[in-house]
Each structure stands twice: as C-alpha cells, then as structure tokens.
PDB file of N, CA and C in Angstrom:
ATOM      1  N   MET A   1       0.844  -1.181   0.000  1.00  0.00           N
ATOM      2  CA  MET A   1       0.000   0.000   0.000  1.00  0.00           C
ATOM      3  C   MET A   1       0.883   1.237   0.000  1.00  0.00           C
ATOM      4  N   GLU A   2       0.402   2.256  -0.683  1.00  0.00           N
ATOM      5  CA  GLU A   2       1.149   3.505  -0.815  1.00  0.00           C
ATOM      6  C   GLU A   2       0.614   4.546   0.165  1.00  0.00           C
ATOM      7  N   ALA A   3       1.521   5.248   0.848  1.00  0.00           N
ATOM      8  CA  ALA A   3       1.113   6.323   1.751  1.00  0.00           C
ATOM      9  C   ALA A   3       0.714   7.547   0.929  1.00  0.00           C
ATOM     10  N   VAL A   4      -0.446   8.124   1.248  1.00  0.00           N
ATOM     11  CA  VAL A   4      -0.960   9.300   0.545  1.00  0.00           C
ATOM     12  C   VAL A   4      -1.590  10.252   1.563  1.00  0.00           C
ATOM     13  N   LYS A   5      -2.012  11.401   1.099  1.00  0.00           N
ATOM     14  CA  LYS A   5      -2.775  12.348   1.915  1.00  0.00           C
ATOM     15  C   LYS A   5      -4.226  12.333   1.430  1.00  0.00           C
ATOM     16  N   LYS A   6      -5.144  12.193   2.350  1.00  0.00           N
ATOM     17  CA  LYS A   6      -6.568  12.232   2.013  1.00  0.00           C
ATOM     18  C   LYS A   6      -7.058  13.654   2.239  1.00  0.00           C
ATOM     19  N   ILE A   7      -7.642  14.227   1.208  1.00  0.00           N
ATOM     20  CA  ILE A   7      -8.149  15.605   1.249  1.00  0.00           C
ATOM     21  C   ILE A   7      -9.672  15.542   1.255  1.00  0.00           C
ATOM     22  N   GLU A   8     -10.299  16.164   2.237  1.00  0.00           N
ATOM     23  CA  GLU A   8     -11.753  16.267   2.288  1.00  0.00           C
ATOM     24  C   GLU A   8     -12.116  17.750   2.372  1.00  0.00           C
ATOM     25  N   ILE A   9     -12.953  18.193   1.466  1.00  0.00           N
ATOM     26  CA  ILE A   9     -13.331  19.604   1.395  1.00  0.00           C
ATOM     27  C   ILE A   9     -14.851  19.700   1.421  1.00  0.00           C
ATOM     28  N   VAL A  10     -15.363  20.512   2.315  1.00  0.00           N
ATOM     29  CA  VAL A  10     -16.791  20.814   2.359  1.00  0.00           C
ATOM     30  C   VAL A  10     -16.925  22.320   2.213  1.00  0.00           C
ATOM     31  N   THR A  11     -17.651  22.756   1.179  1.00  0.00           N
ATOM     32  CA  THR A  11     -17.861  24.190   0.978  1.00  0.00           C
ATOM     33  C   THR A  11     -19.152  24.402   0.191  1.00  0.00           C
ATOM     34  N   ASN A  12     -19.510  25.639  -0.024  1.00  0.00           N
ATOM     35  CA  ASN A  12     -20.735  25.978  -0.737  1.00  0.00           C
ATOM     36  C   ASN A  12     -20.774  25.298  -2.103  1.00  0.00           C
ATOM     37  N   SER A  13     -21.919  24.750  -2.461  1.00  0.00           N
ATOM     38  CA  SER A  13     -22.065  24.018  -3.728  1.00  0.00           C
ATOM     39  C   SER A  13     -21.675  24.846  -4.945  1.00  0.00           C
ATOM     40  N   LEU A  14     -21.920  26.146  -4.894  1.00  0.00           N
ATOM     41  CA  LEU A  14     -21.579  26.989  -6.039  1.00  0.00           C
ATOM     42  C   LEU A  14     -20.074  27.079  -6.262  1.00  0.00           C
ATOM     43  N   GLU A  15     -19.293  26.772  -5.245  1.00  0.00           N
ATOM     44  CA  GLU A  15     -17.836  26.853  -5.357  1.00  0.00           C
ATOM     45  C   GLU A  15     -17.191  25.534  -5.769  1.00  0.00           C
ATOM     46  N   LEU A  16     -17.992  24.493  -5.944  1.00  0.00           N
ATOM     47  CA  LEU A  16     -17.429  23.190  -6.324  1.00  0.00           C
ATOM     48  C   LEU A  16     -16.617  23.241  -7.625  1.00  0.00           C
ATOM     49  N   PRO A  17     -17.099  23.920  -8.677  1.00  0.00           N
ATOM     50  CA  PRO A  17     -16.276  23.982  -9.899  1.00  0.00           C
ATOM     51  C   PRO A  17     -14.907  24.609  -9.641  1.00  0.00           C
ATOM     52  N   LYS A  18     -14.859  25.633  -8.796  1.00  0.00           N
ATOM     53  CA  LYS A  18     -13.588  26.280  -8.478  1.00  0.00           C
ATOM     54  C   LYS A  18     -12.675  25.309  -7.721  1.00  0.00           C
ATOM     55  N   VAL A  19     -13.239  24.564  -6.789  1.00  0.00           N
ATOM     56  CA  VAL A  19     -12.457  23.582  -6.023  1.00  0.00           C
ATOM     57  C   VAL A  19     -11.901  22.506  -6.958  1.00  0.00           C
ATOM     58  N   LEU A  20     -12.730  22.016  -7.867  1.00  0.00           N
ATOM     59  CA  LEU A  20     -12.282  20.977  -8.802  1.00  0.00           C
ATOM     60  C   LEU A  20     -11.198  21.504  -9.733  1.00  0.00           C
ATOM     61  N   GLU A  21     -11.315  22.763 -10.126  1.00  0.00           N
ATOM     62  CA  GLU A  21     -10.281  23.387 -10.965  1.00  0.00           C
ATOM     63  C   GLU A  21      -8.961  23.478 -10.203  1.00  0.00           C
ATOM     64  N   ILE A  22      -9.023  23.810  -8.928  1.00  0.00           N
ATOM     65  CA  ILE A  22      -7.814  23.870  -8.094  1.00  0.00           C
ATOM     66  C   ILE A  22      -7.169  22.491  -7.998  1.00  0.00           C
ATOM     67  N   LEU A  23      -7.992  21.458  -7.827  1.00  0.00           N
ATOM     68  CA  LEU A  23      -7.449  20.098  -7.776  1.00  0.00           C
ATOM     69  C   LEU A  23      -6.727  19.765  -9.079  1.00  0.00           C
ATOM     70  N   GLU A  24      -7.372  20.068 -10.195  1.00  0.00           N
ATOM     71  CA  GLU A  24      -6.762  19.776 -11.500  1.00  0.00           C
ATOM     72  C   GLU A  24      -5.446  20.515 -11.675  1.00  0.00           C
ATOM     73  N   LYS A  25      -5.433  21.816 -11.334  1.00  0.00           N
ATOM     74  CA  LYS A  25      -4.207  22.609 -11.482  1.00  0.00           C
ATOM     75  C   LYS A  25      -3.102  22.137 -10.552  1.00  0.00           C
ATOM     76  N   SER A  26      -3.482  21.499  -9.458  1.00  0.00           N
ATOM     77  CA  SER A  26      -2.498  20.984  -8.505  1.00  0.00           C
ATOM     78  C   SER A  26      -1.980  19.607  -8.918  1.00  0.00           C
ATOM     79  N   GLY A  27      -2.499  19.091 -10.006  1.00  0.00           N
ATOM     80  CA  GLY A  27      -2.051  17.790 -10.486  1.00  0.00           C
ATOM     81  C   GLY A  27      -2.811  16.621  -9.901  1.00  0.00           C
ATOM     82  N   VAL A  28      -3.898  16.920  -9.194  1.00  0.00           N
ATOM     83  CA  VAL A  28      -4.738  15.868  -8.613  1.00  0.00           C
ATOM     84  C   VAL A  28      -5.826  15.549  -9.639  1.00  0.00           C
ATOM     85  N   SER A  29      -5.765  14.375 -10.207  1.00  0.00           N
ATOM     86  CA  SER A  29      -6.653  14.072 -11.326  1.00  0.00           C
ATOM     87  C   SER A  29      -7.925  13.331 -10.933  1.00  0.00           C
ATOM     88  N   GLY A  30      -7.990  12.789  -9.739  1.00  0.00           N
ATOM     89  CA  GLY A  30      -9.168  12.040  -9.348  1.00  0.00           C
ATOM     90  C   GLY A  30      -9.823  12.614  -8.104  1.00  0.00           C
ATOM     91  N   TYR A  31     -11.139  12.488  -8.039  1.00  0.00           N
ATOM     92  CA  TYR A  31     -11.869  12.978  -6.873  1.00  0.00           C
ATOM     93  C   TYR A  31     -13.264  12.399  -6.856  1.00  0.00           C
ATOM     94  N   THR A  32     -13.898  12.499  -5.714  1.00  0.00           N
ATOM     95  CA  THR A  32     -15.296  12.111  -5.551  1.00  0.00           C
ATOM     96  C   THR A  32     -16.058  13.325  -5.052  1.00  0.00           C
ATOM     97  N   VAL A  33     -17.226  13.588  -5.625  1.00  0.00           N
ATOM     98  CA  VAL A  33     -18.049  14.739  -5.235  1.00  0.00           C
ATOM     99  C   VAL A  33     -19.411  14.235  -4.757  1.00  0.00           C
ATOM    100  N   ILE A  34     -19.837  14.739  -3.641  1.00  0.00           N
ATOM    101  CA  ILE A  34     -21.189  14.488  -3.147  1.00  0.00           C
ATOM    102  C   ILE A  34     -21.860  15.855  -3.023  1.00  0.00           C
ATOM    103  N   GLU A  35     -22.948  16.044  -3.747  1.00  0.00           N
ATOM    104  CA  GLU A  35     -23.646  17.335  -3.710  1.00  0.00           C
ATOM    105  C   GLU A  35     -24.788  17.297  -2.704  1.00  0.00           C
ATOM    106  N   ASN A  36     -25.305  18.478  -2.398  1.00  0.00           N
ATOM    107  CA  ASN A  36     -26.423  18.645  -1.467  1.00  0.00           C
ATOM    108  C   ASN A  36     -26.117  18.079  -0.080  1.00  0.00           C
ATOM    109  N   VAL A  37     -24.952  18.423   0.418  1.00  0.00           N
ATOM    110  CA  VAL A  37     -24.537  17.986   1.746  1.00  0.00           C
ATOM    111  C   VAL A  37     -25.129  18.932   2.784  1.00  0.00           C
ATOM    112  N   ILE A  38     -25.704  18.379   3.806  1.00  0.00           N
ATOM    113  CA  ILE A  38     -26.255  19.211   4.872  1.00  0.00           C
ATOM    114  C   ILE A  38     -25.446  18.999   6.143  1.00  0.00           C
ATOM    115  N   GLY A  39     -25.574  19.935   7.081  1.00  0.00           N
ATOM    116  CA  GLY A  39     -24.844  19.816   8.337  1.00  0.00           C
ATOM    117  C   GLY A  39     -24.907  21.108   9.120  1.00  0.00           C
ATOM    118  N   LYS A  40     -24.025  21.230  10.070  1.00  0.00           N
ATOM    119  CA  LYS A  40     -23.974  22.421  10.913  1.00  0.00           C
ATOM    120  C   LYS A  40     -22.518  22.762  11.170  1.00  0.00           C
ATOM    121  N   GLY A  41     -22.207  24.039  11.077  1.00  0.00           N
ATOM    122  CA  GLY A  41     -20.850  24.501  11.319  1.00  0.00           C
ATOM    123  C   GLY A  41     -20.863  25.832  12.024  1.00  0.00           C
ATOM    124  N   LYS A  42     -19.726  26.502  11.986  1.00  0.00           N
ATOM    125  CA  LYS A  42     -19.568  27.780  12.666  1.00  0.00           C
ATOM    126  C   LYS A  42     -20.558  28.834  12.169  1.00  0.00           C
ATOM    127  N   ARG A  43     -20.927  28.720  10.892  1.00  0.00           N
ATOM    128  CA  ARG A  43     -21.848  29.697  10.293  1.00  0.00           C
ATOM    129  C   ARG A  43     -23.301  29.260  10.394  1.00  0.00           C
ATOM    130  N   GLY A  44     -23.575  28.215  11.140  1.00  0.00           N
ATOM    131  CA  GLY A  44     -24.947  27.763  11.340  1.00  0.00           C
ATOM    132  C   GLY A  44     -25.254  26.505  10.548  1.00  0.00           C
ATOM    133  N   ARG A  45     -26.564  26.174  10.496  1.00  0.00           N
ATOM    134  CA  ARG A  45     -27.014  24.965   9.812  1.00  0.00           C
ATOM    135  C   ARG A  45     -27.078  25.189   8.306  1.00  0.00           C
ATOM    136  N   VAL A  46     -26.728  24.172   7.572  1.00  0.00           N
ATOM    137  CA  VAL A  46     -26.895  24.151   6.124  1.00  0.00           C
ATOM    138  C   VAL A  46     -27.945  23.098   5.843  1.00  0.00           C
ATOM    139  N   ILE A  47     -29.073  23.536   5.311  1.00  0.00           N
ATOM    140  CA  ILE A  47     -30.181  22.618   5.090  1.00  0.00           C
ATOM    141  C   ILE A  47     -30.490  22.516   3.604  1.00  0.00           C
ATOM    142  N   ASN A  48     -31.251  21.537   3.242  1.00  0.00           N
ATOM    143  CA  ASN A  48     -31.574  21.286   1.848  1.00  0.00           C
ATOM    144  C   ASN A  48     -33.083  21.265   1.675  1.00  0.00           C
ATOM    145  N   ASP A  49     -33.741  22.378   1.965  1.00  0.00           N
ATOM    146  CA  ASP A  49     -35.190  22.401   1.844  1.00  0.00           C
ATOM    147  C   ASP A  49     -35.686  23.353   0.754  1.00  0.00           C
ATOM    148  N   LEU A  50     -34.787  23.779  -0.123  1.00  0.00           N
ATOM    149  CA  LEU A  50     -35.172  24.629  -1.238  1.00  0.00           C
ATOM    150  C   LEU A  50     -35.009  23.857  -2.540  1.00  0.00           C
ATOM    151  N   GLU A  51     -35.651  24.336  -3.609  1.00  0.00           N
ATOM    152  CA  GLU A  51     -35.517  23.664  -4.894  1.00  0.00           C
ATOM    153  C   GLU A  51     -34.137  23.869  -5.496  1.00  0.00           C
ATOM    154  N   THR A  52     -33.456  24.912  -5.121  1.00  0.00           N
ATOM    155  CA  THR A  52     -32.112  25.183  -5.626  1.00  0.00           C
ATOM    156  C   THR A  52     -31.072  24.696  -4.628  1.00  0.00           C
ATOM    157  N   HIS A  53     -29.891  24.360  -5.117  1.00  0.00           N
ATOM    158  CA  HIS A  53     -28.838  23.948  -4.199  1.00  0.00           C
ATOM    159  C   HIS A  53     -27.873  25.087  -3.909  1.00  0.00           C
ATOM    160  N   THR A  54     -28.325  26.311  -4.170  1.00  0.00           N
ATOM    161  CA  THR A  54     -27.499  27.490  -3.943  1.00  0.00           C
ATOM    162  C   THR A  54     -27.007  27.599  -2.509  1.00  0.00           C
ATOM    163  N   LEU A  55     -27.854  27.214  -1.576  1.00  0.00           N
ATOM    164  CA  LEU A  55     -27.502  27.375  -0.160  1.00  0.00           C
ATOM    165  C   LEU A  55     -27.021  26.073   0.470  1.00  0.00           C
ATOM    166  N   THR A  56     -26.782  25.058  -0.334  1.00  0.00           N
ATOM    167  CA  THR A  56     -26.286  23.797   0.218  1.00  0.00           C
ATOM    168  C   THR A  56     -24.771  23.720   0.079  1.00  0.00           C
ATOM    169  N   ASN A  57     -24.211  22.712   0.668  1.00  0.00           N
ATOM    170  CA  ASN A  57     -22.780  22.477   0.567  1.00  0.00           C
ATOM    171  C   ASN A  57     -22.512  21.286  -0.330  1.00  0.00           C
ATOM    172  N   GLY A  58     -21.280  21.178  -0.744  1.00  0.00           N
ATOM    173  CA  GLY A  58     -20.812  20.017  -1.479  1.00  0.00           C
ATOM    174  C   GLY A  58     -19.589  19.446  -0.777  1.00  0.00           C
ATOM    175  N   TYR A  59     -19.370  18.153  -0.961  1.00  0.00           N
ATOM    176  CA  TYR A  59     -18.255  17.453  -0.340  1.00  0.00           C
ATOM    177  C   TYR A  59     -17.357  16.897  -1.442  1.00  0.00           C
ATOM    178  N   VAL A  60     -16.074  17.145  -1.327  1.00  0.00           N
ATOM    179  CA  VAL A  60     -15.099  16.622  -2.282  1.00  0.00           C
ATOM    180  C   VAL A  60     -14.074  15.814  -1.514  1.00  0.00           C
ATOM    181  N   MET A  61     -13.828  14.587  -1.955  1.00  0.00           N
ATOM    182  CA  MET A  61     -12.789  13.756  -1.355  1.00  0.00           C
ATOM    183  C   MET A  61     -11.788  13.401  -2.441  1.00  0.00           C
ATOM    184  N   SER A  62     -10.515  13.557  -2.107  1.00  0.00           N
ATOM    185  CA  SER A  62      -9.490  13.205  -3.073  1.00  0.00           C
ATOM    186  C   SER A  62      -8.245  12.705  -2.348  1.00  0.00           C
ATOM    187  N   ILE A  63      -7.325  12.244  -3.123  1.00  0.00           N
ATOM    188  CA  ILE A  63      -6.047  11.750  -2.623  1.00  0.00           C
ATOM    189  C   ILE A  63      -4.941  12.515  -3.336  1.00  0.00           C
ATOM    190  N   CYS A  64      -3.900  12.898  -2.591  1.00  0.00           N
ATOM    191  CA  CYS A  64      -2.759  13.545  -3.231  1.00  0.00           C
ATOM    192  C   CYS A  64      -1.477  13.071  -2.567  1.00  0.00           C
ATOM    193  N   THR A  65      -0.381  13.433  -3.178  1.00  0.00           N
ATOM    194  CA  THR A  65       0.913  13.108  -2.586  1.00  0.00           C
ATOM    195  C   THR A  65       1.242  14.147  -1.518  1.00  0.00           C
ATOM    196  N   GLU A  66       2.209  13.811  -0.695  1.00  0.00           N
ATOM    197  CA  GLU A  66       2.638  14.769   0.334  1.00  0.00           C
ATOM    198  C   GLU A  66       3.203  16.031  -0.326  1.00  0.00           C
ATOM    199  N   ALA A  67       3.866  15.866  -1.475  1.00  0.00           N
ATOM    200  CA  ALA A  67       4.447  17.012  -2.188  1.00  0.00           C
ATOM    201  C   ALA A  67       3.362  17.947  -2.716  1.00  0.00           C
ATOM    202  N   GLN A  68       2.189  17.431  -3.087  1.00  0.00           N
ATOM    203  CA  GLN A  68       1.090  18.251  -3.610  1.00  0.00           C
ATOM    204  C   GLN A  68       0.273  18.906  -2.498  1.00  0.00           C
ATOM    205  N   GLU A  69       0.327  18.360  -1.301  1.00  0.00           N
ATOM    206  CA  GLU A  69      -0.554  18.772  -0.213  1.00  0.00           C
ATOM    207  C   GLU A  69      -0.504  20.274   0.102  1.00  0.00           C
ATOM    208  N   GLN A  70       0.677  20.799   0.322  1.00  0.00           N
ATOM    209  CA  GLN A  70       0.780  22.195   0.781  1.00  0.00           C
ATOM    210  C   GLN A  70       0.244  23.185  -0.255  1.00  0.00           C
ATOM    211  N   ALA A  71       0.627  23.012  -1.521  1.00  0.00           N
ATOM    212  CA  ALA A  71       0.144  23.920  -2.570  1.00  0.00           C
ATOM    213  C   ALA A  71      -1.373  23.821  -2.715  1.00  0.00           C
ATOM    214  N   LEU A  72      -1.889  22.617  -2.601  1.00  0.00           N
ATOM    215  CA  LEU A  72      -3.331  22.408  -2.710  1.00  0.00           C
ATOM    216  C   LEU A  72      -4.075  23.100  -1.566  1.00  0.00           C
ATOM    217  N   VAL A  73      -3.597  22.928  -0.365  1.00  0.00           N
ATOM    218  CA  VAL A  73      -4.248  23.547   0.798  1.00  0.00           C
ATOM    219  C   VAL A  73      -4.195  25.074   0.692  1.00  0.00           C
ATOM    220  N   GLU A  74      -3.057  25.611   0.264  1.00  0.00           N
ATOM    221  CA  GLU A  74      -2.948  27.073   0.133  1.00  0.00           C
ATOM    222  C   GLU A  74      -3.883  27.610  -0.953  1.00  0.00           C
ATOM    223  N   ALA A  75      -4.107  26.848  -2.002  1.00  0.00           N
ATOM    224  CA  ALA A  75      -5.008  27.287  -3.073  1.00  0.00           C
ATOM    225  C   ALA A  75      -6.476  27.184  -2.640  1.00  0.00           C
ATOM    226  N   ILE A  76      -6.790  26.230  -1.788  1.00  0.00           N
ATOM    227  CA  ILE A  76      -8.172  26.054  -1.306  1.00  0.00           C
ATOM    228  C   ILE A  76      -8.515  27.076  -0.215  1.00  0.00           C
ATOM    229  N   ARG A  77      -7.522  27.493   0.551  1.00  0.00           N
ATOM    230  CA  ARG A  77      -7.750  28.371   1.708  1.00  0.00           C
ATOM    231  C   ARG A  77      -8.619  29.607   1.390  1.00  0.00           C
ATOM    232  N   PRO A  78      -8.373  30.358   0.307  1.00  0.00           N
ATOM    233  CA  PRO A  78      -9.218  31.544   0.035  1.00  0.00           C
ATOM    234  C   PRO A  78     -10.686  31.193  -0.213  1.00  0.00           C
ATOM    235  N   VAL A  79     -10.939  30.054  -0.831  1.00  0.00           N
ATOM    236  CA  VAL A  79     -12.325  29.622  -1.087  1.00  0.00           C
ATOM    237  C   VAL A  79     -13.022  29.358   0.244  1.00  0.00           C
ATOM    238  N   ILE A  80     -12.362  28.621   1.115  1.00  0.00           N
ATOM    239  CA  ILE A  80     -12.938  28.296   2.422  1.00  0.00           C
ATOM    240  C   ILE A  80     -13.148  29.565   3.248  1.00  0.00           C
ATOM    241  N   LYS A  81     -12.173  30.455   3.193  1.00  0.00           N
ATOM    242  CA  LYS A  81     -12.267  31.691   3.990  1.00  0.00           C
ATOM    243  C   LYS A  81     -13.436  32.561   3.518  1.00  0.00           C
ATOM    244  N   LYS A  82     -13.635  32.665   2.196  1.00  0.00           N
ATOM    245  CA  LYS A  82     -14.670  33.540   1.661  1.00  0.00           C
ATOM    246  C   LYS A  82     -16.072  32.924   1.742  1.00  0.00           C
ATOM    247  N   TYR A  83     -16.183  31.634   1.443  1.00  0.00           N
ATOM    248  CA  TYR A  83     -17.507  31.017   1.322  1.00  0.00           C
ATOM    249  C   TYR A  83     -17.846  30.055   2.452  1.00  0.00           C
ATOM    250  N   GLY A  84     -16.902  29.842   3.359  1.00  0.00           N
ATOM    251  CA  GLY A  84     -17.136  28.918   4.464  1.00  0.00           C
ATOM    252  C   GLY A  84     -16.806  27.497   4.075  1.00  0.00           C
ATOM    253  N   GLY A  85     -16.696  26.669   5.083  1.00  0.00           N
ATOM    254  CA  GLY A  85     -16.407  25.270   4.845  1.00  0.00           C
ATOM    255  C   GLY A  85     -15.158  24.833   5.575  1.00  0.00           C
ATOM    256  N   VAL A  86     -14.708  23.638   5.247  1.00  0.00           N
ATOM    257  CA  VAL A  86     -13.505  23.087   5.871  1.00  0.00           C
ATOM    258  C   VAL A  86     -12.697  22.323   4.830  1.00  0.00           C
ATOM    259  N   CYS A  87     -11.419  22.216   5.101  1.00  0.00           N
ATOM    260  CA  CYS A  87     -10.529  21.370   4.315  1.00  0.00           C
ATOM    261  C   CYS A  87      -9.774  20.514   5.329  1.00  0.00           C
ATOM    262  N   ILE A  88     -10.002  19.224   5.271  1.00  0.00           N
ATOM    263  CA  ILE A  88      -9.391  18.291   6.217  1.00  0.00           C
ATOM    264  C   ILE A  88      -8.342  17.468   5.473  1.00  0.00           C
ATOM    265  N   VAL A  89      -7.157  17.395   6.056  1.00  0.00           N
ATOM    266  CA  VAL A  89      -6.080  16.594   5.472  1.00  0.00           C
ATOM    267  C   VAL A  89      -5.689  15.531   6.491  1.00  0.00           C
ATOM    268  N   SER A  90      -5.636  14.297   6.048  1.00  0.00           N
ATOM    269  CA  SER A  90      -5.238  13.212   6.943  1.00  0.00           C
ATOM    270  C   SER A  90      -4.316  12.240   6.215  1.00  0.00           C
ATOM    271  N   ASP A  91      -3.531  11.528   6.986  1.00  0.00           N
ATOM    272  CA  ASP A  91      -2.672  10.495   6.424  1.00  0.00           C
ATOM    273  C   ASP A  91      -3.525   9.289   6.060  1.00  0.00           C
ATOM    274  N   ALA A  92      -3.216   8.708   4.934  1.00  0.00           N
ATOM    275  CA  ALA A  92      -3.968   7.530   4.495  1.00  0.00           C
ATOM    276  C   ALA A  92      -3.053   6.620   3.686  1.00  0.00           C
ATOM    277  N   LYS A  93      -3.543   5.463   3.382  1.00  0.00           N
ATOM    278  CA  LYS A  93      -2.864   4.541   2.483  1.00  0.00           C
ATOM    279  C   LYS A  93      -3.883   4.082   1.462  1.00  0.00           C
ATOM    280  N   TRP A  94      -3.410   3.787   0.237  1.00  0.00           N
ATOM    281  CA  TRP A  94      -4.351   3.348  -0.769  1.00  0.00           C
ATOM    282  C   TRP A  94      -3.764   2.274  -1.655  1.00  0.00           C
ATOM    283  N   ILE A  95      -4.664   1.598  -2.296  1.00  0.00           N
ATOM    284  CA  ILE A  95      -4.302   0.635  -3.319  1.00  0.00           C
ATOM    285  C   ILE A  95      -4.952   1.130  -4.602  1.00  0.00           C
ATOM    286  N   ALA A  96      -4.158   1.475  -5.580  1.00  0.00           N
ATOM    287  CA  ALA A  96      -4.700   1.948  -6.856  1.00  0.00           C
ATOM    288  C   ALA A  96      -4.843   0.779  -7.820  1.00  0.00           C
ATOM    289  N   HIS A  97      -5.809   0.856  -8.687  1.00  0.00           N
ATOM    290  CA  HIS A  97      -6.018  -0.220  -9.665  1.00  0.00           C
ATOM    291  C   HIS A  97      -5.004  -0.144 -10.769  1.00  0.00           C
TER     292      HIS A  97
END
C-alpha cells in the first residue's frame, strides 16, 4: 500500500467547480463529489429544503501526494475563507487499480 494524503473539502455548492479546478491545477486528477450535503458549522445549519442547491454544501474527497498537499491547501484556503467550509487533510494509504 502507498502512503498518501486524504483531502476532504466541504464548501458551498456553487464553489465546487472552483475547487475541482484547483485540484486539476495541482495535479490531482481524481476525486469524488457528493452534492447537497447538509450539516452544521460555525456559520450555522446548512439545510436542503429549497428547490435550488445554492444554499447547500458540497463534499469533495481526493487523494494527493505529500508534495502536492501544501500547494493544494494554500489554493483552497481563500475559497474556504470567503464562502465557508472546511478542508481536512489526513494520512492515508491506498491501493490503486
């Protein structure tokens, strides 16, 4: 198994394209996206009771190398700061196909 960094990002759904673009520019080619994520954070509850997903969050999970981690986190930081959310980085191991 290979040691990697697991990146989890939760932010406003409208910012998901920007987050995915940052991943691509950082050389991270794979990711998983879950839309219409609800929960509660520092800015209050995020609920999904409207027809639009404008006020919902999205979740992105990806894997990167340790060398990619710092640049990726620094590029995500302004998005999280402006629109809210979190970026969680943890040590992981994976088996790629």
